[in-house]
Amino acid sequence: MSLDNRTALFRLPIELRWRDLDAFNHVNNSNFMTYLEEARIRWFESLGKEWLTESTAPLLAAVQMNYRVPIPYPSSVVVELFADRIGTTSVTIGHRIASADGTTLHADGHVVMVWIDRASGRPVPLPDVVRTVAAG
């Protein structure tokens, strides 16, 4: 169940681990970023074509995270990714972390991923597969 009308590019269910908790007995805020990273990498890998090469790679350029409701333990959540903006060398990926039943929004926001030349560190065009899939 989705909390808004956008169609997710990718959905990743996650079962919480005890080690994800902080002293307040809910998921530590840093683990939210780990969940997003895992969802992005799994989405890229699900594309079935080259998104990472010996000469190019994605770089996390910006992160915006709105923490809405703490995630209690035990819980199951789902991370959903959305294409918010497609540029020449970057893609803005919207994200949402919600309860597995879709009734509670725990966090939302976006990240900007820029593809770079590994040797120079300069931006390069998005891989065709990322552009095509993100464009829907």
C-alpha atoms as a PDB file:
ATOM      1  CA  MET A   1       0.000   0.000   0.000  1.00  0.00           C
ATOM      2  CA  SER A   2       1.417   3.383  -1.000  1.00  0.00           C
ATOM      3  CA  LEU A   3       1.021   6.555   1.050  1.00  0.00           C
ATOM      4  CA  ASP A   4       0.653   8.756  -2.027  1.00  0.00           C
ATOM      5  CA  ASN A   5      -0.224   8.392  -5.696  1.00  0.00           C
ATOM      6  CA  ARG A   6       3.282   8.035  -7.125  1.00  0.00           C
ATOM      7  CA  THR A   7       4.291   4.677  -8.528  1.00  0.00           C
ATOM      8  CA  ALA A   8       7.455   3.394  -6.908  1.00  0.00           C
ATOM      9  CA  LEU A   9      10.444   2.529  -9.098  1.00  0.00           C
ATOM     10  CA  PHE A  10      11.475   0.004  -6.487  1.00  0.00           C
ATOM     11  CA  ARG A  11      10.242  -1.364  -3.152  1.00  0.00           C
ATOM     12  CA  LEU A  12      12.457  -3.089  -0.584  1.00  0.00           C
ATOM     13  CA  PRO A  13      10.919  -4.762   2.481  1.00  0.00           C
ATOM     14  CA  ILE A  14      13.218  -4.682   5.521  1.00  0.00           C
ATOM     15  CA  GLU A  15      12.940  -6.632   8.770  1.00  0.00           C
ATOM     16  CA  LEU A  16      14.463  -4.639  11.612  1.00  0.00           C
ATOM     17  CA  ARG A  17      17.425  -6.028  13.503  1.00  0.00           C
ATOM     18  CA  TRP A  18      18.020  -5.567  17.218  1.00  0.00           C
ATOM     19  CA  ARG A  19      21.296  -3.788  16.451  1.00  0.00           C
ATOM     20  CA  ASP A  20      19.390  -1.095  14.503  1.00  0.00           C
ATOM     21  CA  LEU A  21      18.035   0.308  17.778  1.00  0.00           C
ATOM     22  CA  ASP A  22      19.317   3.178  19.874  1.00  0.00           C
ATOM     23  CA  ALA A  23      19.023   3.927  23.592  1.00  0.00           C
ATOM     24  CA  PHE A  24      15.388   4.995  23.111  1.00  0.00           C
ATOM     25  CA  ASN A  25      14.480   1.528  21.754  1.00  0.00           C
ATOM     26  CA  HIS A  26      13.684   2.680  18.228  1.00  0.00           C
ATOM     27  CA  VAL A  27      15.680   2.650  15.005  1.00  0.00           C
ATOM     28  CA  ASN A  28      18.662   4.997  15.155  1.00  0.00           C
ATOM     29  CA  ASN A  29      18.475   7.799  12.588  1.00  0.00           C
ATOM     30  CA  SER A  30      21.724   6.716  10.915  1.00  0.00           C
ATOM     31  CA  ASN A  31      20.141   3.375  10.025  1.00  0.00           C
ATOM     32  CA  PHE A  32      17.511   5.179   7.945  1.00  0.00           C
ATOM     33  CA  MET A  33      20.352   6.155   5.587  1.00  0.00           C
ATOM     34  CA  THR A  34      21.597   2.559   5.506  1.00  0.00           C
ATOM     35  CA  TYR A  35      18.122   1.348   4.533  1.00  0.00           C
ATOM     36  CA  LEU A  36      18.018   3.902   1.693  1.00  0.00           C
ATOM     37  CA  GLU A  37      21.492   2.936   0.488  1.00  0.00           C
ATOM     38  CA  GLU A  38      20.503  -0.736   0.405  1.00  0.00           C
ATOM     39  CA  ALA A  39      17.342   0.065  -1.577  1.00  0.00           C
ATOM     40  CA  ARG A  40      19.249   2.203  -4.111  1.00  0.00           C
ATOM     41  CA  ILE A  41      21.927  -0.439  -4.706  1.00  0.00           C
ATOM     42  CA  ARG A  42      19.348  -3.197  -5.062  1.00  0.00           C
ATOM     43  CA  TRP A  43      17.366  -1.022  -7.493  1.00  0.00           C
ATOM     44  CA  PHE A  44      20.469  -0.346  -9.591  1.00  0.00           C
ATOM     45  CA  GLU A  45      21.324  -4.053  -9.596  1.00  0.00           C
ATOM     46  CA  SER A  46      17.754  -4.948 -10.607  1.00  0.00           C
ATOM     47  CA  LEU A  47      18.059  -2.890 -13.795  1.00  0.00           C
ATOM     48  CA  GLY A  48      19.781  -5.789 -15.535  1.00  0.00           C
ATOM     49  CA  LYS A  49      22.220  -3.564 -17.423  1.00  0.00           C
ATOM     50  CA  GLU A  50      25.435  -1.744 -16.625  1.00  0.00           C
ATOM     51  CA  TRP A  51      25.048   1.161 -14.196  1.00  0.00           C
ATOM     52  CA  LEU A  52      28.565   0.951 -12.737  1.00  0.00           C
ATOM     53  CA  THR A  53      31.808   0.537 -14.688  1.00  0.00           C
ATOM     54  CA  GLU A  54      35.535   0.581 -14.035  1.00  0.00           C
ATOM     55  CA  SER A  55      35.587   4.176 -15.274  1.00  0.00           C
ATOM     56  CA  THR A  56      32.264   5.573 -13.986  1.00  0.00           C
ATOM     57  CA  ALA A  57      30.301   5.367 -10.750  1.00  0.00           C
ATOM     58  CA  PRO A  58      27.415   7.079  -8.945  1.00  0.00           C
ATOM     59  CA  LEU A  59      28.265   9.505  -6.175  1.00  0.00           C
ATOM     60  CA  LEU A  60      25.861  10.638  -3.476  1.00  0.00           C
ATOM     61  CA  ALA A  61      25.806  14.428  -3.888  1.00  0.00           C
ATOM     62  CA  ALA A  62      22.957  15.446  -1.556  1.00  0.00           C
ATOM     63  CA  VAL A  63      20.571  13.942   0.978  1.00  0.00           C
ATOM     64  CA  GLN A  64      17.376  15.349   2.406  1.00  0.00           C
ATOM     65  CA  MET A  65      15.618  13.306   5.096  1.00  0.00           C
ATOM     66  CA  ASN A  66      12.445  14.158   6.965  1.00  0.00           C
ATOM     67  CA  TYR A  67      12.089  12.006  10.070  1.00  0.00           C
ATOM     68  CA  ARG A  68       8.343  11.687  10.634  1.00  0.00           C
ATOM     69  CA  VAL A  69       7.645   8.899  13.152  1.00  0.00           C
ATOM     70  CA  PRO A  70      10.185   6.727  15.004  1.00  0.00           C
ATOM     71  CA  ILE A  71      10.370   3.092  13.917  1.00  0.00           C
ATOM     72  CA  PRO A  72       9.732   0.843  16.932  1.00  0.00           C
ATOM     73  CA  TYR A  73      11.096  -2.647  17.458  1.00  0.00           C
ATOM     74  CA  PRO A  74       9.976  -5.172  16.401  1.00  0.00           C
ATOM     75  CA  SER A  75       8.767  -3.884  13.036  1.00  0.00           C
ATOM     76  CA  SER A  76       8.891  -4.430   9.335  1.00  0.00           C
ATOM     77  CA  VAL A  77       9.224  -1.500   6.969  1.00  0.00           C
ATOM     78  CA  VAL A  78       9.324  -0.952   3.249  1.00  0.00           C
ATOM     79  CA  VAL A  79      11.593   1.493   1.438  1.00  0.00           C
ATOM     80  CA  GLU A  80      10.128   2.956  -1.734  1.00  0.00           C
ATOM     81  CA  LEU A  81      12.124   4.849  -4.361  1.00  0.00           C
ATOM     82  CA  PHE A  82      10.785   7.337  -6.908  1.00  0.00           C
ATOM     83  CA  ALA A  83      12.292   9.295  -9.811  1.00  0.00           C
ATOM     84  CA  ASP A  84      11.771  12.921  -8.823  1.00  0.00           C
ATOM     85  CA  ARG A  85      14.074  14.541 -11.404  1.00  0.00           C
ATOM     86  CA  ILE A  86      16.280  13.287 -14.219  1.00  0.00           C
ATOM     87  CA  GLY A  87      19.154  15.516 -15.260  1.00  0.00           C
ATOM     88  CA  THR A  88      22.006  15.127 -17.712  1.00  0.00           C
ATOM     89  CA  THR A  89      24.478  13.729 -15.180  1.00  0.00           C
ATOM     90  CA  SER A  90      22.272  13.193 -12.136  1.00  0.00           C
ATOM     91  CA  VAL A  91      19.036  11.700 -10.930  1.00  0.00           C
ATOM     92  CA  THR A  92      17.072  12.851  -7.903  1.00  0.00           C
ATOM     93  CA  ILE A  93      15.606   9.813  -6.205  1.00  0.00           C
ATOM     94  CA  GLY A  94      12.691  10.431  -3.883  1.00  0.00           C
ATOM     95  CA  HIS A  95      12.386   8.016  -1.008  1.00  0.00           C
ATOM     96  CA  ARG A  96       9.924   6.951   1.613  1.00  0.00           C
ATOM     97  CA  ILE A  97      10.271   4.570   4.558  1.00  0.00           C
ATOM     98  CA  ALA A  98       6.882   3.319   5.680  1.00  0.00           C
ATOM     99  CA  SER A  99       5.461   0.578   7.852  1.00  0.00           C
ATOM    100  CA  ALA A 100       5.063  -2.704   5.977  1.00  0.00           C
ATOM    101  CA  ASP A 101       1.289  -2.265   5.964  1.00  0.00           C
ATOM    102  CA  GLY A 102       1.640   1.234   4.476  1.00  0.00           C
ATOM    103  CA  THR A 103      -0.231   3.004   7.251  1.00  0.00           C
ATOM    104  CA  THR A 104       2.667   4.867   8.910  1.00  0.00           C
ATOM    105  CA  LEU A 105       5.167   7.138   7.181  1.00  0.00           C
ATOM    106  CA  HIS A 106       8.426   6.977   9.123  1.00  0.00           C
ATOM    107  CA  ALA A 107      10.564   9.142   6.823  1.00  0.00           C
ATOM    108  CA  ASP A 108      10.657  10.722   3.392  1.00  0.00           C
ATOM    109  CA  GLY A 109      12.877  12.970   1.307  1.00  0.00           C
ATOM    110  CA  HIS A 110      15.280  12.563  -1.583  1.00  0.00           C
ATOM    111  CA  VAL A 111      18.879  12.018  -2.625  1.00  0.00           C
ATOM    112  CA  VAL A 112      20.787  13.321  -5.621  1.00  0.00           C
ATOM    113  CA  MET A 113      23.029  10.796  -7.351  1.00  0.00           C
ATOM    114  CA  VAL A 114      25.626  12.138  -9.810  1.00  0.00           C
ATOM    115  CA  TRP A 115      27.549   9.842 -12.129  1.00  0.00           C
ATOM    116  CA  ILE A 116      31.238  10.688 -12.266  1.00  0.00           C
ATOM    117  CA  ASP A 117      34.379   9.693 -14.093  1.00  0.00           C
ATOM    118  CA  ARG A 118      36.395   7.855 -11.446  1.00  0.00           C
ATOM    119  CA  ALA A 119      39.741   9.215 -12.673  1.00  0.00           C
ATOM    120  CA  SER A 120      38.835  12.899 -12.931  1.00  0.00           C
ATOM    121  CA  GLY A 121      35.944  13.112 -10.478  1.00  0.00           C
ATOM    122  CA  ARG A 122      34.019  15.075 -13.108  1.00  0.00           C
ATOM    123  CA  PRO A 123      30.341  14.424 -13.920  1.00  0.00           C
ATOM    124  CA  VAL A 124      29.471  12.160 -16.864  1.00  0.00           C
ATOM    125  CA  PRO A 125      26.099  11.439 -18.502  1.00  0.00           C
ATOM    126  CA  LEU A 126      23.704   9.123 -16.679  1.00  0.00           C
ATOM    127  CA  PRO A 127      23.861   5.509 -17.798  1.00  0.00           C
ATOM    128  CA  ASP A 128      21.174   4.911 -20.443  1.00  0.00           C
ATOM    129  CA  VAL A 129      19.478   2.224 -18.343  1.00  0.00           C
ATOM    130  CA  VAL A 130      19.115   4.549 -15.339  1.00  0.00           C
ATOM    131  CA  ARG A 131      17.718   7.344 -17.532  1.00  0.00           C
ATOM    132  CA  THR A 132      15.275   5.022 -19.308  1.00  0.00           C
ATOM    133  CA  VAL A 133      13.936   3.267 -16.203  1.00  0.00           C
ATOM    134  CA  ALA A 134      13.725   6.473 -14.143  1.00  0.00           C
ATOM    135  CA  ALA A 135      11.832   8.200 -16.959  1.00  0.00           C
ATOM    136  CA  GLY A 136       9.275   5.397 -16.761  1.00  0.00           C
END
